Amino acid sequence: NSSESHNCAKSILTSDRLQIVVTLSEFFNETWEAANCANCLKNNSEGLSNSTVEFLDLFNKSLTCFEHNLQGQIIYLSPNNYTEVCKNCNETYRMLNDLYNNLQRMNRQGGESGHSAHLCIDVEDAMNITRKLWSRTFNCSVPCSDTVPVIAVSSFILFLPIVFYLSSFLHSKQKKRILILPKRIQSNASLVNIQEKYS
């Protein structure tokens, strides 16, 4: 009976003491939500979104580049000398990193999936793996382009107090204290003599 189908399904799903089907269903639904899996899909969940496909393609290219530049050279490379990887894979890594940052920015505004949250776990894990390989394993570091302005501004701020005190010292007039000696009144003996003259 179609009217009783919901109750029938409910009684079948919850018939055992552990309610294993319901528990598994809730577990998978919670995992799906926690991993933000919907953010990798199109709005109607028909397949992967275009940005996710583009990201995974660049991720695979980056890993292929890493592997290609290490192939046959592992014996000769010391643990900290991966200059070929850093040099040859720099552009691919930069493109992947820029795309990831753009995806994060787009996702905060709703993105392709229509869900505003974190990126899906597949994209985040892929980027974490790539960054770990790039920075820790291969020790590839690109100097920050803002280094020179930061040093210049910091130096300027550090020297401001010195300039202030030096200029105030040079431009202030050093007043010398001039002692004015008071005129002393003549002694009492001469004062008495003067009074005697007039009297």
C-alpha atoms as a PDB file:
ATOM      1  CA  ASN A   1       0.000   0.000   0.000  1.00  0.00           C
ATOM      2  CA  SER A   2       1.561   3.319  -1.101  1.00  0.00           C
ATOM      3  CA  SER A   3       0.059   5.250   1.794  1.00  0.00           C
ATOM      4  CA  GLU A   4       1.774   2.939   4.266  1.00  0.00           C
ATOM      5  CA  SER A   5       5.138   2.786   2.407  1.00  0.00           C
ATOM      6  CA  HIS A   6       6.819   5.361   4.668  1.00  0.00           C
ATOM      7  CA  ASN A   7       5.821   3.477   7.823  1.00  0.00           C
ATOM      8  CA  CYS A   8       6.836   0.204   6.207  1.00  0.00           C
ATOM      9  CA  ALA A   9      10.312   1.561   5.308  1.00  0.00           C
ATOM     10  CA  LYS A  10      10.689   3.006   8.780  1.00  0.00           C
ATOM     11  CA  SER A  11       9.796  -0.277  10.467  1.00  0.00           C
ATOM     12  CA  ILE A  12      12.213  -2.228   8.232  1.00  0.00           C
ATOM     13  CA  LEU A  13      15.090   0.226   8.786  1.00  0.00           C
ATOM     14  CA  THR A  14      14.641   0.319  12.549  1.00  0.00           C
ATOM     15  CA  SER A  15      13.749  -3.334  13.066  1.00  0.00           C
ATOM     16  CA  ASP A  16      17.096  -4.409  14.507  1.00  0.00           C
ATOM     17  CA  ARG A  17      18.390  -3.295  17.889  1.00  0.00           C
ATOM     18  CA  LEU A  18      21.463  -1.450  16.501  1.00  0.00           C
ATOM     19  CA  GLN A  19      19.524   0.166  13.651  1.00  0.00           C
ATOM     20  CA  ILE A  20      22.597  -0.375  11.506  1.00  0.00           C
ATOM     21  CA  VAL A  21      21.106   1.003   8.281  1.00  0.00           C
ATOM     22  CA  VAL A  22      20.021   4.258   9.930  1.00  0.00           C
ATOM     23  CA  THR A  23      23.370   4.590  11.740  1.00  0.00           C
ATOM     24  CA  LEU A  24      25.332   4.066   8.514  1.00  0.00           C
ATOM     25  CA  SER A  25      23.097   6.471   6.623  1.00  0.00           C
ATOM     26  CA  GLU A  26      23.605   9.187   9.258  1.00  0.00           C
ATOM     27  CA  PHE A  27      27.364   8.537   9.314  1.00  0.00           C
ATOM     28  CA  PHE A  28      27.696   8.929   5.546  1.00  0.00           C
ATOM     29  CA  ASN A  29      25.495  12.030   5.507  1.00  0.00           C
ATOM     30  CA  GLU A  30      27.552  13.651   8.297  1.00  0.00           C
ATOM     31  CA  THR A  31      30.807  12.738   6.535  1.00  0.00           C
ATOM     32  CA  TRP A  32      29.485  14.220   3.279  1.00  0.00           C
ATOM     33  CA  GLU A  33      28.571  17.461   5.064  1.00  0.00           C
ATOM     34  CA  ALA A  34      31.801  17.691   7.105  1.00  0.00           C
ATOM     35  CA  ALA A  35      33.940  17.132   4.000  1.00  0.00           C
ATOM     36  CA  ASN A  36      31.969  19.769   2.032  1.00  0.00           C
ATOM     37  CA  CYS A  37      31.695  17.300  -0.847  1.00  0.00           C
ATOM     38  CA  ALA A  38      28.871  19.282  -2.454  1.00  0.00           C
ATOM     39  CA  ASN A  39      31.335  22.126  -3.086  1.00  0.00           C
ATOM     40  CA  CYS A  40      33.133  19.996  -5.691  1.00  0.00           C
ATOM     41  CA  LEU A  41      29.946  19.418  -7.662  1.00  0.00           C
ATOM     42  CA  LYS A  42      27.758  21.505  -9.938  1.00  0.00           C
ATOM     43  CA  ASN A  43      24.548  23.000  -8.562  1.00  0.00           C
ATOM     44  CA  ASN A  44      22.425  20.055  -9.648  1.00  0.00           C
ATOM     45  CA  SER A  45      25.110  17.530  -8.536  1.00  0.00           C
ATOM     46  CA  GLU A  46      25.374  16.026 -12.036  1.00  0.00           C
ATOM     47  CA  GLY A  47      29.162  15.926 -11.898  1.00  0.00           C
ATOM     48  CA  LEU A  48      32.307  17.748 -10.886  1.00  0.00           C
ATOM     49  CA  SER A  49      32.282  21.508 -11.308  1.00  0.00           C
ATOM     50  CA  ASN A  50      34.479  23.038 -14.027  1.00  0.00           C
ATOM     51  CA  SER A  51      36.770  24.685 -11.464  1.00  0.00           C
ATOM     52  CA  THR A  52      37.279  21.372  -9.634  1.00  0.00           C
ATOM     53  CA  VAL A  53      38.151  19.598 -12.902  1.00  0.00           C
ATOM     54  CA  GLU A  54      40.595  22.402 -13.771  1.00  0.00           C
ATOM     55  CA  PHE A  55      42.177  22.235 -10.313  1.00  0.00           C
ATOM     56  CA  LEU A  56      42.583  18.448 -10.350  1.00  0.00           C
ATOM     57  CA  ASP A  57      44.100  18.653 -13.842  1.00  0.00           C
ATOM     58  CA  LEU A  58      46.691  21.207 -12.642  1.00  0.00           C
ATOM     59  CA  PHE A  59      47.311  19.111  -9.519  1.00  0.00           C
ATOM     60  CA  ASN A  60      48.084  16.057 -11.684  1.00  0.00           C
ATOM     61  CA  LYS A  61      50.385  18.168 -13.885  1.00  0.00           C
ATOM     62  CA  SER A  62      52.259  19.378 -10.792  1.00  0.00           C
ATOM     63  CA  LEU A  63      52.760  15.849  -9.469  1.00  0.00           C
ATOM     64  CA  THR A  64      53.851  14.685 -12.931  1.00  0.00           C
ATOM     65  CA  CYS A  65      56.357  17.550 -13.083  1.00  0.00           C
ATOM     66  CA  PHE A  66      57.740  16.644  -9.649  1.00  0.00           C
ATOM     67  CA  GLU A  67      58.056  12.999 -10.623  1.00  0.00           C
ATOM     68  CA  HIS A  68      59.564  13.748 -14.050  1.00  0.00           C
ATOM     69  CA  ASN A  69      62.284  16.000 -12.592  1.00  0.00           C
ATOM     70  CA  LEU A  70      63.169  13.464  -9.910  1.00  0.00           C
ATOM     71  CA  GLN A  71      63.186  10.419 -12.198  1.00  0.00           C
ATOM     72  CA  GLY A  72      66.630   8.921 -12.613  1.00  0.00           C
ATOM     73  CA  GLN A  73      68.253  11.625 -10.467  1.00  0.00           C
ATOM     74  CA  ILE A  74      67.342  10.432  -6.988  1.00  0.00           C
ATOM     75  CA  ILE A  75      70.696   8.687  -6.536  1.00  0.00           C
ATOM     76  CA  TYR A  76      72.642  11.867  -7.256  1.00  0.00           C
ATOM     77  CA  LEU A  77      70.468  14.277  -5.287  1.00  0.00           C
ATOM     78  CA  SER A  78      71.337  15.071  -1.743  1.00  0.00           C
ATOM     79  CA  PRO A  79      68.303  15.380   0.570  1.00  0.00           C
ATOM     80  CA  ASN A  80      68.313  19.186   0.332  1.00  0.00           C
ATOM     81  CA  ASN A  81      69.259  19.658  -3.325  1.00  0.00           C
ATOM     82  CA  TYR A  82      66.127  19.740  -5.463  1.00  0.00           C
ATOM     83  CA  THR A  83      66.995  22.794  -7.549  1.00  0.00           C
ATOM     84  CA  GLU A  84      65.821  21.161 -10.801  1.00  0.00           C
ATOM     85  CA  VAL A  85      62.382  20.477  -9.342  1.00  0.00           C
ATOM     86  CA  CYS A  86      62.125  24.003  -7.957  1.00  0.00           C
ATOM     87  CA  LYS A  87      63.250  25.575 -11.223  1.00  0.00           C
ATOM     88  CA  ASN A  88      61.287  23.435 -13.702  1.00  0.00           C
ATOM     89  CA  CYS A  89      58.045  23.081 -11.729  1.00  0.00           C
ATOM     90  CA  ASN A  90      57.829  26.630 -10.396  1.00  0.00           C
ATOM     91  CA  GLU A  91      55.361  27.845 -13.031  1.00  0.00           C
ATOM     92  CA  THR A  92      53.030  24.837 -12.663  1.00  0.00           C
ATOM     93  CA  TYR A  93      53.066  25.146  -8.876  1.00  0.00           C
ATOM     94  CA  ARG A  94      52.376  28.893  -9.033  1.00  0.00           C
ATOM     95  CA  MET A  95      49.426  28.327 -11.377  1.00  0.00           C
ATOM     96  CA  LEU A  96      48.007  25.665  -9.052  1.00  0.00           C
ATOM     97  CA  ASN A  97      48.460  27.880  -5.987  1.00  0.00           C
ATOM     98  CA  ASP A  98      46.834  30.883  -7.707  1.00  0.00           C
ATOM     99  CA  LEU A  99      43.905  28.752  -8.850  1.00  0.00           C
ATOM    100  CA  TYR A 100      43.442  27.411  -5.321  1.00  0.00           C
ATOM    101  CA  ASN A 101      43.425  30.955  -3.884  1.00  0.00           C
ATOM    102  CA  ASN A 102      40.875  32.029  -6.517  1.00  0.00           C
ATOM    103  CA  LEU A 103      38.687  29.021  -5.705  1.00  0.00           C
ATOM    104  CA  GLN A 104      38.778  29.925  -2.021  1.00  0.00           C
ATOM    105  CA  ARG A 105      37.791  33.508  -2.830  1.00  0.00           C
ATOM    106  CA  MET A 106      34.982  32.377  -5.148  1.00  0.00           C
ATOM    107  CA  ASN A 107      33.725  29.809  -2.650  1.00  0.00           C
ATOM    108  CA  ARG A 108      33.288  32.456   0.048  1.00  0.00           C
ATOM    109  CA  GLN A 109      30.907  34.212  -2.353  1.00  0.00           C
ATOM    110  CA  GLY A 110      28.878  31.099  -3.206  1.00  0.00           C
ATOM    111  CA  GLY A 111      30.906  29.650  -6.095  1.00  0.00           C
ATOM    112  CA  GLU A 112      29.703  27.191  -8.713  1.00  0.00           C
ATOM    113  CA  SER A 113      28.198  24.755  -6.236  1.00  0.00           C
ATOM    114  CA  GLY A 114      26.007  27.374  -4.567  1.00  0.00           C
ATOM    115  CA  HIS A 115      27.308  26.337  -1.138  1.00  0.00           C
ATOM    116  CA  SER A 116      29.190  28.968   0.816  1.00  0.00           C
ATOM    117  CA  ALA A 117      31.735  27.221   3.040  1.00  0.00           C
ATOM    118  CA  HIS A 118      35.145  25.620   2.777  1.00  0.00           C
ATOM    119  CA  LEU A 119      36.323  23.979  -0.417  1.00  0.00           C
ATOM    120  CA  CYS A 120      35.640  20.260  -0.674  1.00  0.00           C
ATOM    121  CA  ILE A 121      38.063  17.949   1.087  1.00  0.00           C
ATOM    122  CA  ASP A 122      39.518  16.551  -2.166  1.00  0.00           C
ATOM    123  CA  VAL A 123      40.705  19.990  -3.300  1.00  0.00           C
ATOM    124  CA  GLU A 124      42.002  20.997   0.135  1.00  0.00           C
ATOM    125  CA  ASP A 125      43.879  17.713   0.618  1.00  0.00           C
ATOM    126  CA  ALA A 126      45.398  17.930  -2.865  1.00  0.00           C
ATOM    127  CA  MET A 127      46.664  21.466  -2.177  1.00  0.00           C
ATOM    128  CA  ASN A 128      48.010  20.468   1.254  1.00  0.00           C
ATOM    129  CA  ILE A 129      49.935  17.563  -0.297  1.00  0.00           C
ATOM    130  CA  THR A 130      51.389  19.816  -2.996  1.00  0.00           C
ATOM    131  CA  ARG A 131      52.415  22.558  -0.561  1.00  0.00           C
ATOM    132  CA  LYS A 132      54.015  20.027   1.775  1.00  0.00           C
ATOM    133  CA  LEU A 133      56.018  18.506  -1.091  1.00  0.00           C
ATOM    134  CA  TRP A 134      57.004  21.935  -2.407  1.00  0.00           C
ATOM    135  CA  SER A 135      58.102  23.507   0.875  1.00  0.00           C
ATOM    136  CA  ARG A 136      59.182  20.634   3.144  1.00  0.00           C
ATOM    137  CA  THR A 137      60.313  17.848   0.863  1.00  0.00           C
ATOM    138  CA  PHE A 138      61.845  19.868  -1.989  1.00  0.00           C
ATOM    139  CA  ASN A 139      62.619  22.930   0.163  1.00  0.00           C
ATOM    140  CA  CYS A 140      61.553  25.253  -2.640  1.00  0.00           C
ATOM    141  CA  SER A 141      60.995  28.733  -1.350  1.00  0.00           C
ATOM    142  CA  VAL A 142      60.314  31.811  -3.409  1.00  0.00           C
ATOM    143  CA  PRO A 143      61.488  35.079  -1.838  1.00  0.00           C
ATOM    144  CA  CYS A 144      58.629  37.331  -0.928  1.00  0.00           C
ATOM    145  CA  SER A 145      58.237  40.244  -3.329  1.00  0.00           C
ATOM    146  CA  ASP A 146      57.280  42.573  -0.458  1.00  0.00           C
ATOM    147  CA  THR A 147      60.603  42.166   1.363  1.00  0.00           C
ATOM    148  CA  VAL A 148      62.227  45.400   0.144  1.00  0.00           C
ATOM    149  CA  PRO A 149      59.279  47.710   0.995  1.00  0.00           C
ATOM    150  CA  VAL A 150      58.878  46.084   4.423  1.00  0.00           C
ATOM    151  CA  ILE A 151      62.577  46.574   5.251  1.00  0.00           C
ATOM    152  CA  ALA A 152      62.464  50.173   4.013  1.00  0.00           C
ATOM    153  CA  VAL A 153      59.402  51.081   6.097  1.00  0.00           C
ATOM    154  CA  SER A 154      60.772  49.299   9.179  1.00  0.00           C
ATOM    155  CA  SER A 155      64.109  51.128   8.884  1.00  0.00           C
ATOM    156  CA  PHE A 156      62.341  54.471   8.490  1.00  0.00           C
ATOM    157  CA  ILE A 157      60.240  53.869  11.608  1.00  0.00           C
ATOM    158  CA  LEU A 158      63.281  52.739  13.628  1.00  0.00           C
ATOM    159  CA  PHE A 159      65.273  55.853  12.723  1.00  0.00           C
ATOM    160  CA  LEU A 160      62.461  58.337  13.440  1.00  0.00           C
ATOM    161  CA  PRO A 161      63.271  58.726  17.177  1.00  0.00           C
ATOM    162  CA  ILE A 162      66.971  59.227  16.405  1.00  0.00           C
ATOM    163  CA  VAL A 163      66.182  61.896  13.818  1.00  0.00           C
ATOM    164  CA  PHE A 164      63.722  63.574  16.183  1.00  0.00           C
ATOM    165  CA  TYR A 165      66.119  63.829  19.115  1.00  0.00           C
ATOM    166  CA  LEU A 166      69.050  64.835  16.946  1.00  0.00           C
ATOM    167  CA  SER A 167      67.097  67.608  15.230  1.00  0.00           C
ATOM    168  CA  SER A 168      65.668  68.873  18.524  1.00  0.00           C
ATOM    169  CA  PHE A 169      69.190  68.976  19.978  1.00  0.00           C
ATOM    170  CA  LEU A 170      70.640  70.848  16.990  1.00  0.00           C
ATOM    171  CA  HIS A 171      67.824  73.377  16.637  1.00  0.00           C
ATOM    172  CA  SER A 172      67.223  74.203  20.257  1.00  0.00           C
ATOM    173  CA  LYS A 173      69.023  77.196  21.744  1.00  0.00           C
ATOM    174  CA  GLN A 174      71.203  76.281  24.605  1.00  0.00           C
ATOM    175  CA  LYS A 175      70.511  79.015  27.162  1.00  0.00           C
ATOM    176  CA  LYS A 176      73.443  79.781  29.310  1.00  0.00           C
ATOM    177  CA  ARG A 177      72.585  80.775  32.807  1.00  0.00           C
ATOM    178  CA  ILE A 178      73.745  84.258  33.612  1.00  0.00           C
ATOM    179  CA  LEU A 179      74.048  84.944  37.269  1.00  0.00           C
ATOM    180  CA  ILE A 180      73.007  88.424  38.247  1.00  0.00           C
ATOM    181  CA  LEU A 181      74.842  89.539  41.329  1.00  0.00           C
ATOM    182  CA  PRO A 182      72.709  91.704  43.628  1.00  0.00           C
ATOM    183  CA  LYS A 183      74.048  95.075  44.647  1.00  0.00           C
ATOM    184  CA  ARG A 184      75.011  94.847  48.234  1.00  0.00           C
ATOM    185  CA  ILE A 185      74.062  97.504  50.701  1.00  0.00           C
ATOM    186  CA  GLN A 186      76.969  99.156  52.384  1.00  0.00           C
ATOM    187  CA  SER A 187      77.877  98.016  55.801  1.00  0.00           C
ATOM    188  CA  ASN A 188      76.050  99.359  58.857  1.00  0.00           C
ATOM    189  CA  ALA A 189      79.080 101.323  60.033  1.00  0.00           C
ATOM    190  CA  SER A 190      79.143 103.495  56.905  1.00  0.00           C
ATOM    191  CA  LEU A 191      75.392 103.913  57.112  1.00  0.00           C
ATOM    192  CA  VAL A 192      75.729 105.236  60.677  1.00  0.00           C
ATOM    193  CA  ASN A 193      78.436 107.695  59.539  1.00  0.00           C
ATOM    194  CA  ILE A 194      76.124 109.043  56.839  1.00  0.00           C
ATOM    195  CA  GLN A 195      73.316 109.537  59.316  1.00  0.00           C
ATOM    196  CA  GLU A 196      75.665 111.396  61.700  1.00  0.00           C
ATOM    197  CA  LYS A 197      76.701 113.789  58.948  1.00  0.00           C
ATOM    198  CA  TYR A 198      73.159 114.834  58.259  1.00  0.00           C
ATOM    199  CA  SER A 199      72.156 115.140  61.869  1.00  0.00           C
END
